[in-house]
Amino acid sequence: MPLPSQPLILTGGCSCGAIRYRIAVPESSSRPPVPFFPDGHDPMPNPVSCHCNDCRRATASLLPVIFLQCPAPMVTVSVLEESPDEQGNGQQQHGGRFVDVLAEGYDQVATDAKRPPYLPAVDVLRASSTSTSTGTQDNAAKKTWLRFYHSTSCSPTASRTFCGRCGTQVAFHMALEPWHCTSGKLPDSFSDIIDINGGTFDRDVLDQEGWLDPGVEVNFRSGTALGKKVAASAKGMGHVPKMYGFVAAEGVATKEELERLAQ
């Protein structure tokens, strides 16, 4: 079951709460099609399962990674500044959460009122000289807990975001190019994609049956032996199309291959 048709807000963040995000999902008729895949898939934001080596290494997982693919304008982010006490910790040992969404009496509205403002994802989750700082010319910039990495080239066109305090991998950003899109041109309403790692969503999102069930698996040829067996046999995953690369033109795993893996 895809996301419900009505507008909704999805929330989540890193383990310690230094990074929090919101995804403002419009009602279904206003959701854009996925630029990477042919027609027939659920519109964005759409859950995807990825077997690629980069996702596996970045998230330290043997199993395929599930993320929610979002147009950047839907996503806003709030990031805490590093405190002077923690900046001065030479061994960089940190403990405790700023935000515990499972704590008794947790009030999201009250907690968010004490946080830095939620800013557009392209201003926060895109690797640039200003993304890890807050402030203006009149207010000296302060370093935040946001960090960037990419296994090839970390830049404003592609990067992974993680928390420098608790280490949680939060998102992957990519700037779309026309050749990424099956239509050969960029979407009208956005040019950047934010892939939110599924495990970072708040529990009330994770507990919604079907919301994060992937409609497609990509980079299947790069999957681990265990990951491919699970993907071929697990309830809710066995029927999902499994593309060898990132697009269907690179080939799709056959029924015979999946039956062999599922044995």
Protein backbone atom coordinates (compact mmCIF):
# COMPACT_ATOMS: atom_id res chain seq x y z
CA MET A 1 0.00 0.00 0.00
CA PRO A 2 1.53 3.37 -0.99
CA LEU A 3 1.28 6.55 1.06
CA PRO A 4 -2.30 7.69 1.74
CA SER A 5 -3.88 10.04 -0.77
CA GLN A 6 -4.41 12.93 1.65
CA PRO A 7 -1.68 15.49 2.50
CA LEU A 8 0.57 14.45 5.37
CA ILE A 9 3.79 15.32 7.18
CA LEU A 10 6.45 12.64 7.66
CA THR A 11 9.07 13.26 10.35
CA GLY A 12 12.35 11.75 11.45
CA GLY A 13 15.97 12.44 12.23
CA CYS A 14 19.26 11.10 13.49
CA SER A 15 19.65 8.99 16.64
CA CYS A 16 20.57 11.87 18.93
CA GLY A 17 18.16 14.44 17.44
CA ALA A 18 20.78 16.93 16.28
CA ILE A 19 19.29 16.57 12.78
CA ARG A 20 15.51 16.54 12.31
CA TYR A 21 13.55 16.65 9.06
CA ARG A 22 9.99 17.05 7.83
CA ILE A 23 8.59 15.85 4.50
CA ALA A 24 5.46 17.76 3.45
CA VAL A 25 3.68 15.32 1.14
CA PRO A 26 0.87 16.96 -0.88
CA GLU A 27 -2.39 15.24 -1.77
CA SER A 28 -1.96 12.49 -4.34
CA SER A 29 -3.03 14.43 -7.46
CA SER A 30 -0.23 16.96 -6.82
CA ARG A 31 2.55 14.40 -6.42
CA PRO A 32 5.02 14.30 -9.33
CA PRO A 33 5.90 11.15 -11.28
CA VAL A 34 9.24 9.45 -10.63
CA PRO A 35 11.72 10.79 -13.23
CA PHE A 36 13.93 7.66 -13.18
CA PHE A 37 11.41 4.98 -14.07
CA PRO A 38 8.81 4.49 -16.81
CA ASP A 39 5.17 5.28 -16.09
CA GLY A 40 3.30 2.86 -13.86
CA HIS A 41 5.09 3.45 -10.57
CA ASP A 42 3.57 5.25 -7.61
CA PRO A 43 4.35 9.01 -7.67
CA MET A 44 6.94 10.68 -5.48
CA PRO A 45 7.83 10.42 -2.70
CA ASN A 46 8.38 6.72 -3.42
CA PRO A 47 10.13 3.99 -1.42
CA VAL A 48 13.03 2.27 -3.19
CA SER A 49 15.27 -0.62 -2.15
CA CYS A 50 18.90 -0.30 -3.25
CA HIS A 51 21.54 -3.06 -3.34
CA CYS A 52 24.45 -0.87 -4.50
CA ASN A 53 27.88 -1.08 -2.89
CA ASP A 54 27.84 2.61 -1.97
CA CYS A 55 24.59 2.35 0.04
CA ARG A 56 25.79 -0.89 1.63
CA ARG A 57 29.10 0.58 2.79
CA ALA A 58 27.61 3.90 3.89
CA THR A 59 24.96 2.23 6.06
CA ALA A 60 27.04 -0.82 7.08
CA SER A 61 24.25 -3.17 6.05
CA LEU A 62 24.34 -6.62 4.43
CA LEU A 63 20.72 -6.25 3.40
CA PRO A 64 19.45 -3.82 0.76
CA VAL A 65 18.83 -0.29 1.99
CA ILE A 66 15.31 1.16 1.82
CA PHE A 67 14.96 4.90 1.34
CA LEU A 68 12.19 7.33 0.47
CA GLN A 69 12.92 9.23 -2.74
CA CYS A 70 11.69 12.82 -2.31
CA PRO A 71 11.63 15.93 -4.50
CA ALA A 72 13.81 18.38 -2.58
CA PRO A 73 11.06 21.07 -2.22
CA MET A 74 9.06 18.66 -0.03
CA VAL A 75 11.86 18.39 2.57
CA THR A 76 12.88 20.83 5.30
CA VAL A 77 15.61 20.29 7.90
CA SER A 78 16.56 21.61 11.34
CA VAL A 79 20.14 21.13 12.57
CA LEU A 80 21.54 21.94 16.02
CA GLU A 81 24.76 23.83 16.50
CA GLU A 82 27.72 22.20 18.24
CA SER A 83 27.87 23.37 21.85
CA PRO A 84 31.14 24.89 23.16
CA ASP A 85 31.43 22.04 25.69
CA GLU A 86 31.20 19.34 23.05
CA GLN A 87 33.46 21.22 20.65
CA GLY A 88 36.11 21.21 23.36
CA ASN A 89 35.93 17.45 23.88
CA GLY A 90 39.23 16.41 22.36
CA GLN A 91 38.32 12.72 22.26
CA GLN A 92 35.00 13.45 20.52
CA GLN A 93 33.03 11.20 22.86
CA HIS A 94 29.35 12.08 23.03
CA GLY A 95 26.36 10.55 24.74
CA GLY A 96 22.67 11.17 25.27
CA ARG A 97 19.88 12.38 23.00
CA PHE A 98 18.72 15.93 22.39
CA VAL A 99 15.40 14.55 21.15
CA ASP A 100 13.85 11.21 22.13
CA VAL A 101 10.64 10.80 20.16
CA LEU A 102 9.72 7.69 22.16
CA ALA A 103 10.06 9.34 25.55
CA GLU A 104 6.94 9.60 27.69
CA GLY A 105 5.33 13.00 27.25
CA TYR A 106 7.27 13.86 24.08
CA ASP A 107 5.66 16.91 22.50
CA GLN A 108 6.85 17.51 18.95
CA VAL A 109 5.41 21.01 18.66
CA ALA A 110 6.95 22.16 21.94
CA THR A 111 10.30 20.52 21.13
CA ASP A 112 10.45 22.04 17.65
CA ALA A 113 9.69 25.48 19.08
CA LYS A 114 13.06 25.35 20.86
CA ARG A 115 15.01 24.22 17.78
CA PRO A 116 16.61 26.17 14.96
CA PRO A 117 14.12 26.77 12.14
CA TYR A 118 13.38 24.09 9.53
CA LEU A 119 15.08 25.24 6.31
CA PRO A 120 14.72 24.03 2.68
CA ALA A 121 16.67 20.83 2.07
CA VAL A 122 18.67 22.31 -0.81
CA ASP A 123 20.05 24.89 1.63
CA VAL A 124 21.00 22.25 4.22
CA LEU A 125 21.47 18.79 2.70
CA ARG A 126 23.46 19.91 -0.34
CA ALA A 127 27.22 19.87 0.24
CA SER A 128 28.55 23.43 -0.01
CA SER A 129 30.74 25.83 1.90
CA THR A 130 27.78 27.09 3.94
CA SER A 131 25.75 23.92 4.55
CA THR A 132 27.40 23.01 7.86
CA SER A 133 27.13 26.50 9.35
CA THR A 134 24.39 28.81 10.53
CA GLY A 135 24.36 32.58 10.79
CA THR A 136 24.63 35.70 8.62
CA GLN A 137 27.18 38.44 8.05
CA ASP A 138 25.74 40.22 11.08
CA ASN A 139 25.78 37.04 13.18
CA ALA A 140 29.00 35.03 13.06
CA ALA A 141 28.44 31.58 11.58
CA LYS A 142 28.44 28.68 14.03
CA LYS A 143 29.30 25.09 13.18
CA THR A 144 26.46 22.57 13.19
CA TRP A 145 26.49 18.77 13.61
CA LEU A 146 25.82 18.21 9.91
CA ARG A 147 28.52 16.33 7.96
CA PHE A 148 28.91 15.28 4.33
CA TYR A 149 30.62 12.39 2.60
CA HIS A 150 30.59 10.64 -0.76
CA SER A 151 32.67 7.67 -1.85
CA THR A 152 33.63 9.34 -5.14
CA SER A 153 33.31 13.12 -5.13
CA CYS A 154 31.42 14.97 -2.41
CA SER A 155 30.02 18.10 -4.04
CA PRO A 156 26.87 20.20 -4.53
CA THR A 157 25.74 17.60 -7.10
CA ALA A 158 25.96 14.45 -4.92
CA SER A 159 26.62 13.76 -1.25
CA ARG A 160 25.54 11.75 1.77
CA THR A 161 24.50 13.53 4.95
CA PHE A 162 25.28 12.18 8.41
CA CYS A 163 25.31 13.43 11.99
CA GLY A 164 28.77 14.31 13.27
CA ARG A 165 27.64 13.61 16.84
CA CYS A 166 25.88 10.23 16.69
CA GLY A 167 27.01 9.09 13.23
CA THR A 168 23.55 8.38 11.80
CA GLN A 169 23.40 8.35 7.99
CA VAL A 170 20.35 10.51 7.25
CA ALA A 171 20.08 11.22 3.52
CA PHE A 172 21.57 11.16 0.05
CA HIS A 173 21.33 14.24 -2.17
CA MET A 174 21.68 14.30 -5.93
CA ALA A 175 21.20 17.04 -8.48
CA LEU A 176 19.21 15.70 -11.42
CA GLU A 177 20.62 15.75 -14.92
CA PRO A 178 18.45 15.29 -18.05
CA TRP A 179 20.11 11.95 -18.80
CA HIS A 180 18.90 10.61 -15.42
CA CYS A 181 15.30 11.04 -16.56
CA THR A 182 13.41 8.67 -18.84
CA SER A 183 11.86 11.67 -20.59
CA GLY A 184 15.28 13.17 -21.32
CA LYS A 185 14.38 16.40 -19.52
CA LEU A 186 14.20 17.63 -15.94
CA PRO A 187 10.86 17.73 -14.09
CA ASP A 188 9.09 21.07 -14.13
CA SER A 189 8.80 21.44 -10.35
CA PHE A 190 12.21 20.31 -9.00
CA SER A 191 15.81 19.58 -9.97
CA ASP A 192 17.17 17.95 -6.79
CA ILE A 193 16.35 14.62 -5.15
CA ILE A 194 16.66 13.87 -1.42
CA ASP A 195 16.74 10.16 -0.56
CA ILE A 196 15.82 9.81 3.13
CA ASN A 197 17.17 6.62 4.74
CA GLY A 198 14.16 4.60 5.88
CA GLY A 199 15.47 3.71 9.32
CA THR A 200 15.61 7.38 10.34
CA PHE A 201 11.84 7.92 10.22
CA ASP A 202 10.00 8.34 13.50
CA ARG A 203 8.28 5.22 14.82
CA ASP A 204 4.78 6.44 13.99
CA VAL A 205 5.80 6.49 10.31
CA LEU A 206 7.59 3.12 10.43
CA ASP A 207 4.56 1.48 12.03
CA GLN A 208 2.22 2.44 9.18
CA GLU A 209 1.73 -0.75 7.20
CA GLY A 210 2.95 -0.45 3.63
CA TRP A 211 4.07 3.17 3.70
CA LEU A 212 7.75 2.29 3.19
CA ASP A 213 7.30 -0.92 1.21
CA PRO A 214 9.48 -0.44 -1.89
CA GLY A 215 7.85 -0.56 -5.30
CA VAL A 216 11.13 -1.31 -7.04
CA GLU A 217 14.61 -2.62 -6.20
CA VAL A 218 17.65 -1.22 -7.96
CA ASN A 219 21.29 -2.29 -8.47
CA PHE A 220 20.33 -5.91 -7.84
CA ARG A 221 23.50 -7.23 -9.49
CA SER A 222 25.56 -5.57 -6.73
CA GLY A 223 23.63 -7.15 -3.86
CA THR A 224 25.21 -9.45 -1.28
CA ALA A 225 24.37 -13.16 -1.39
CA LEU A 226 22.22 -12.80 1.74
CA GLY A 227 20.60 -9.58 0.56
CA LYS A 228 19.52 -11.07 -2.76
CA LYS A 229 18.13 -14.20 -1.09
CA VAL A 230 16.09 -12.11 1.34
CA ALA A 231 14.85 -9.85 -1.45
CA ALA A 232 13.79 -12.85 -3.55
CA SER A 233 12.00 -14.72 -0.79
CA ALA A 234 10.79 -12.35 1.94
CA LYS A 235 7.09 -11.58 2.29
CA GLY A 236 6.40 -8.21 0.71
CA MET A 237 9.65 -8.24 -1.28
CA GLY A 238 9.61 -11.31 -3.53
CA HIS A 239 7.20 -9.78 -6.04
CA VAL A 240 8.99 -6.40 -6.28
CA PRO A 241 10.72 -5.79 -9.67
CA LYS A 242 14.50 -6.07 -9.28
CA MET A 243 16.52 -4.03 -11.75
CA TYR A 244 20.15 -5.00 -12.30
CA GLY A 245 21.16 -1.34 -12.46
CA PHE A 246 19.37 1.87 -11.67
CA VAL A 247 17.03 1.84 -14.66
CA ALA A 248 14.99 -0.90 -16.30
CA ALA A 249 16.99 -0.59 -19.53
CA GLU A 250 19.94 -2.21 -17.71
CA GLY A 251 17.94 -5.41 -17.28
CA VAL A 252 15.58 -6.91 -14.71
CA ALA A 253 16.11 -10.11 -12.70
CA THR A 254 14.22 -13.01 -14.27
CA LYS A 255 11.59 -15.16 -12.61
CA GLU A 256 13.93 -18.17 -12.90
CA GLU A 257 16.78 -16.35 -11.13
CA LEU A 258 14.51 -15.22 -8.29
CA GLU A 259 13.06 -18.72 -7.85
CA ARG A 260 16.60 -20.12 -7.58
CA LEU A 261 17.57 -17.52 -4.98
CA ALA A 262 14.43 -18.14 -2.98
CA GLN A 263 15.16 -21.86 -2.53
